[in-house]
């Protein structure tokens, strides 16, 4: 069976990140991390490259996002 484009990218060092909680009432640096990850609205999912910098951003806002490798 052929894999979808999203699955192929996930295999090649990509991480799927989804915003599951609102950024209202959070610190400005946490909001900046969410925007830096490319997330714009609730339930928005993006594929980002799996780098140490991105991992640090995800760790900082772990309570707002859900991620899958």
N, C-alpha and C. Protein backbone atom coordinates (compact mmCIF):
# COMPACT_ATOMS: atom_id res chain seq x y z
N UNK A 1 0.84 -1.19 0.00
CA UNK A 1 0.00 0.00 0.00
C UNK A 1 0.88 1.25 0.00
N UNK A 2 0.43 2.26 -0.68
CA UNK A 2 1.19 3.51 -0.70
C UNK A 2 0.81 4.37 0.51
N UNK A 3 1.78 5.13 0.99
CA UNK A 3 1.55 5.99 2.13
C UNK A 3 1.17 7.38 1.66
N UNK A 4 0.41 8.08 2.49
CA UNK A 4 0.04 9.45 2.14
C UNK A 4 1.25 10.36 2.29
N UNK A 5 1.16 11.55 1.76
CA UNK A 5 2.25 12.52 1.83
C UNK A 5 2.55 12.87 3.28
N UNK A 6 1.51 13.02 4.11
CA UNK A 6 1.73 13.37 5.51
C UNK A 6 2.49 12.26 6.23
N UNK A 7 2.17 11.00 5.96
CA UNK A 7 2.87 9.90 6.61
C UNK A 7 4.31 9.83 6.17
N UNK A 8 4.59 10.10 4.91
CA UNK A 8 5.96 10.09 4.41
C UNK A 8 6.79 11.18 5.08
N UNK A 9 6.20 12.38 5.24
CA UNK A 9 6.91 13.47 5.89
C UNK A 9 7.13 13.16 7.36
N UNK A 10 6.15 12.53 8.01
CA UNK A 10 6.30 12.19 9.43
C UNK A 10 7.45 11.22 9.63
N UNK A 11 7.64 10.33 8.68
CA UNK A 11 8.74 9.38 8.78
C UNK A 11 10.07 10.09 8.59
N UNK A 12 10.13 11.07 7.75
CA UNK A 12 11.37 11.76 7.41
C UNK A 12 11.68 12.92 8.36
N UNK A 13 11.65 12.69 9.66
CA UNK A 13 12.06 13.71 10.62
C UNK A 13 11.10 14.85 10.80
N UNK A 14 9.82 14.60 10.68
CA UNK A 14 8.81 15.64 10.89
C UNK A 14 7.95 15.27 12.10
N UNK A 15 7.42 16.30 12.76
CA UNK A 15 6.55 16.10 13.91
C UNK A 15 5.25 16.86 13.65
N UNK A 16 4.14 16.21 13.94
CA UNK A 16 2.83 16.84 13.81
C UNK A 16 2.46 17.46 15.15
N UNK A 17 2.13 18.75 15.14
CA UNK A 17 1.80 19.47 16.37
C UNK A 17 0.40 20.08 16.22
N UNK A 18 -0.43 19.89 17.24
CA UNK A 18 -1.81 20.39 17.21
C UNK A 18 -2.07 21.23 18.45
N UNK A 19 -2.67 22.41 18.26
CA UNK A 19 -3.02 23.29 19.38
C UNK A 19 -4.35 22.82 19.96
N UNK A 20 -4.34 22.36 21.21
CA UNK A 20 -5.55 21.79 21.80
C UNK A 20 -6.12 22.66 22.93
N UNK A 21 -5.40 23.69 23.33
CA UNK A 21 -5.88 24.57 24.39
C UNK A 21 -5.59 26.02 23.99
N UNK A 22 -6.47 26.92 24.37
CA UNK A 22 -6.34 28.32 23.99
C UNK A 22 -5.13 28.98 24.65
N UNK A 23 -4.56 29.96 23.94
CA UNK A 23 -3.42 30.70 24.47
C UNK A 23 -3.85 31.91 25.28
N UNK A 24 -5.14 32.13 25.41
CA UNK A 24 -5.63 33.27 26.19
C UNK A 24 -5.23 33.06 27.66
N UNK A 25 -4.63 34.08 28.24
CA UNK A 25 -4.23 34.02 29.63
C UNK A 25 -2.87 33.39 29.87
N UNK A 26 -2.15 33.05 28.81
CA UNK A 26 -0.82 32.48 28.97
C UNK A 26 0.24 33.58 28.88
N UNK A 27 1.47 33.25 29.25
CA UNK A 27 2.57 34.20 29.17
C UNK A 27 2.84 34.57 27.72
N UNK A 28 3.36 35.76 27.52
CA UNK A 28 3.62 36.22 26.16
C UNK A 28 4.70 35.36 25.48
N UNK A 29 5.67 34.86 26.25
CA UNK A 29 6.70 34.02 25.66
C UNK A 29 6.11 32.68 25.21
N UNK A 30 5.09 32.19 25.91
CA UNK A 30 4.44 30.95 25.51
C UNK A 30 3.61 31.16 24.25
N UNK A 31 2.94 32.31 24.17
CA UNK A 31 2.19 32.64 22.95
C UNK A 31 3.14 32.75 21.77
N UNK A 32 4.32 33.32 22.01
CA UNK A 32 5.31 33.45 20.94
C UNK A 32 5.79 32.08 20.46
N UNK A 33 5.94 31.14 21.37
CA UNK A 33 6.35 29.78 20.98
C UNK A 33 5.27 29.13 20.12
N UNK A 34 4.01 29.31 20.50
CA UNK A 34 2.92 28.73 19.72
C UNK A 34 2.92 29.31 18.32
N UNK A 35 3.10 30.63 18.21
CA UNK A 35 3.14 31.26 16.89
C UNK A 35 4.38 30.82 16.11
N UNK A 36 5.49 30.65 16.82
CA UNK A 36 6.72 30.21 16.18
C UNK A 36 6.60 28.80 15.61
N UNK A 37 5.77 27.99 16.23
CA UNK A 37 5.52 26.65 15.70
C UNK A 37 4.60 26.69 14.49
N UNK A 38 3.97 27.83 14.24
CA UNK A 38 3.09 27.98 13.08
C UNK A 38 1.64 27.71 13.38
N UNK A 39 1.30 27.62 14.66
CA UNK A 39 -0.09 27.36 15.04
C UNK A 39 -0.84 28.68 15.15
N UNK A 40 -2.02 28.73 14.55
CA UNK A 40 -2.78 29.98 14.50
C UNK A 40 -4.07 29.94 15.30
N UNK A 41 -4.74 28.82 15.34
CA UNK A 41 -6.04 28.75 16.01
C UNK A 41 -6.20 27.38 16.67
N UNK A 42 -7.21 27.26 17.48
CA UNK A 42 -7.50 26.01 18.17
C UNK A 42 -7.73 24.89 17.18
N UNK A 43 -7.22 23.71 17.48
CA UNK A 43 -7.32 22.51 16.64
C UNK A 43 -6.59 22.64 15.30
N UNK A 44 -5.70 23.61 15.18
CA UNK A 44 -4.88 23.76 13.98
C UNK A 44 -3.70 22.81 14.10
N UNK A 45 -3.42 22.04 13.07
CA UNK A 45 -2.32 21.09 13.06
C UNK A 45 -1.30 21.49 12.01
N UNK A 46 -0.02 21.43 12.38
CA UNK A 46 1.05 21.73 11.44
C UNK A 46 2.11 20.63 11.52
N UNK A 47 2.85 20.47 10.44
CA UNK A 47 4.00 19.58 10.42
C UNK A 47 5.25 20.44 10.52
N UNK A 48 6.08 20.17 11.51
CA UNK A 48 7.32 20.91 11.69
C UNK A 48 8.48 19.94 11.70
N UNK A 49 9.65 20.45 11.34
CA UNK A 49 10.85 19.63 11.31
C UNK A 49 11.26 19.27 12.74
N UNK A 50 11.72 18.06 12.93
CA UNK A 50 12.11 17.58 14.24
C UNK A 50 13.55 18.00 14.54
N UNK A 51 13.71 19.19 15.15
CA UNK A 51 15.02 19.71 15.52
C UNK A 51 15.02 20.00 17.02
N UNK A 52 16.19 20.15 17.63
CA UNK A 52 16.24 20.48 19.05
C UNK A 52 15.51 21.78 19.39
N UNK A 53 15.57 22.76 18.52
CA UNK A 53 14.89 24.03 18.77
C UNK A 53 13.38 23.84 18.82
N UNK A 54 12.85 23.07 17.89
CA UNK A 54 11.41 22.82 17.86
C UNK A 54 11.00 21.99 19.07
N UNK A 55 11.82 21.00 19.43
CA UNK A 55 11.52 20.19 20.62
C UNK A 55 11.45 21.07 21.86
N UNK A 56 12.36 22.05 21.97
CA UNK A 56 12.34 22.96 23.11
C UNK A 56 11.08 23.81 23.14
N UNK A 57 10.63 24.25 21.97
CA UNK A 57 9.40 25.05 21.90
C UNK A 57 8.20 24.21 22.31
N UNK A 58 8.17 22.95 21.86
CA UNK A 58 7.06 22.06 22.23
C UNK A 58 7.09 21.79 23.73
N UNK A 59 8.28 21.58 24.29
CA UNK A 59 8.39 21.36 25.74
C UNK A 59 7.90 22.55 26.54
N UNK A 60 8.17 23.74 26.04
CA UNK A 60 7.78 24.95 26.77
C UNK A 60 6.26 25.10 26.85
N UNK A 61 5.56 24.68 25.79
CA UNK A 61 4.10 24.84 25.75
C UNK A 61 3.40 23.47 25.72
N UNK A 62 3.99 22.49 26.43
CA UNK A 62 3.46 21.13 26.42
C UNK A 62 2.01 21.05 26.85
N UNK A 63 1.56 21.97 27.71
CA UNK A 63 0.21 21.95 28.24
C UNK A 63 -0.81 22.55 27.26
N UNK A 64 -0.34 23.12 26.15
CA UNK A 64 -1.23 23.71 25.15
C UNK A 64 -1.33 22.87 23.87
N UNK A 65 -0.36 22.00 23.65
CA UNK A 65 -0.28 21.28 22.38
C UNK A 65 -0.28 19.78 22.57
N UNK A 66 -0.56 19.08 21.48
CA UNK A 66 -0.43 17.63 21.43
C UNK A 66 0.43 17.35 20.21
N UNK A 67 1.43 16.49 20.37
CA UNK A 67 2.30 16.21 19.24
C UNK A 67 2.42 14.72 19.00
N UNK A 68 2.63 14.38 17.73
CA UNK A 68 2.81 12.99 17.30
C UNK A 68 3.98 12.94 16.34
N UNK A 69 4.82 11.94 16.52
CA UNK A 69 5.98 11.81 15.64
C UNK A 69 5.60 11.07 14.37
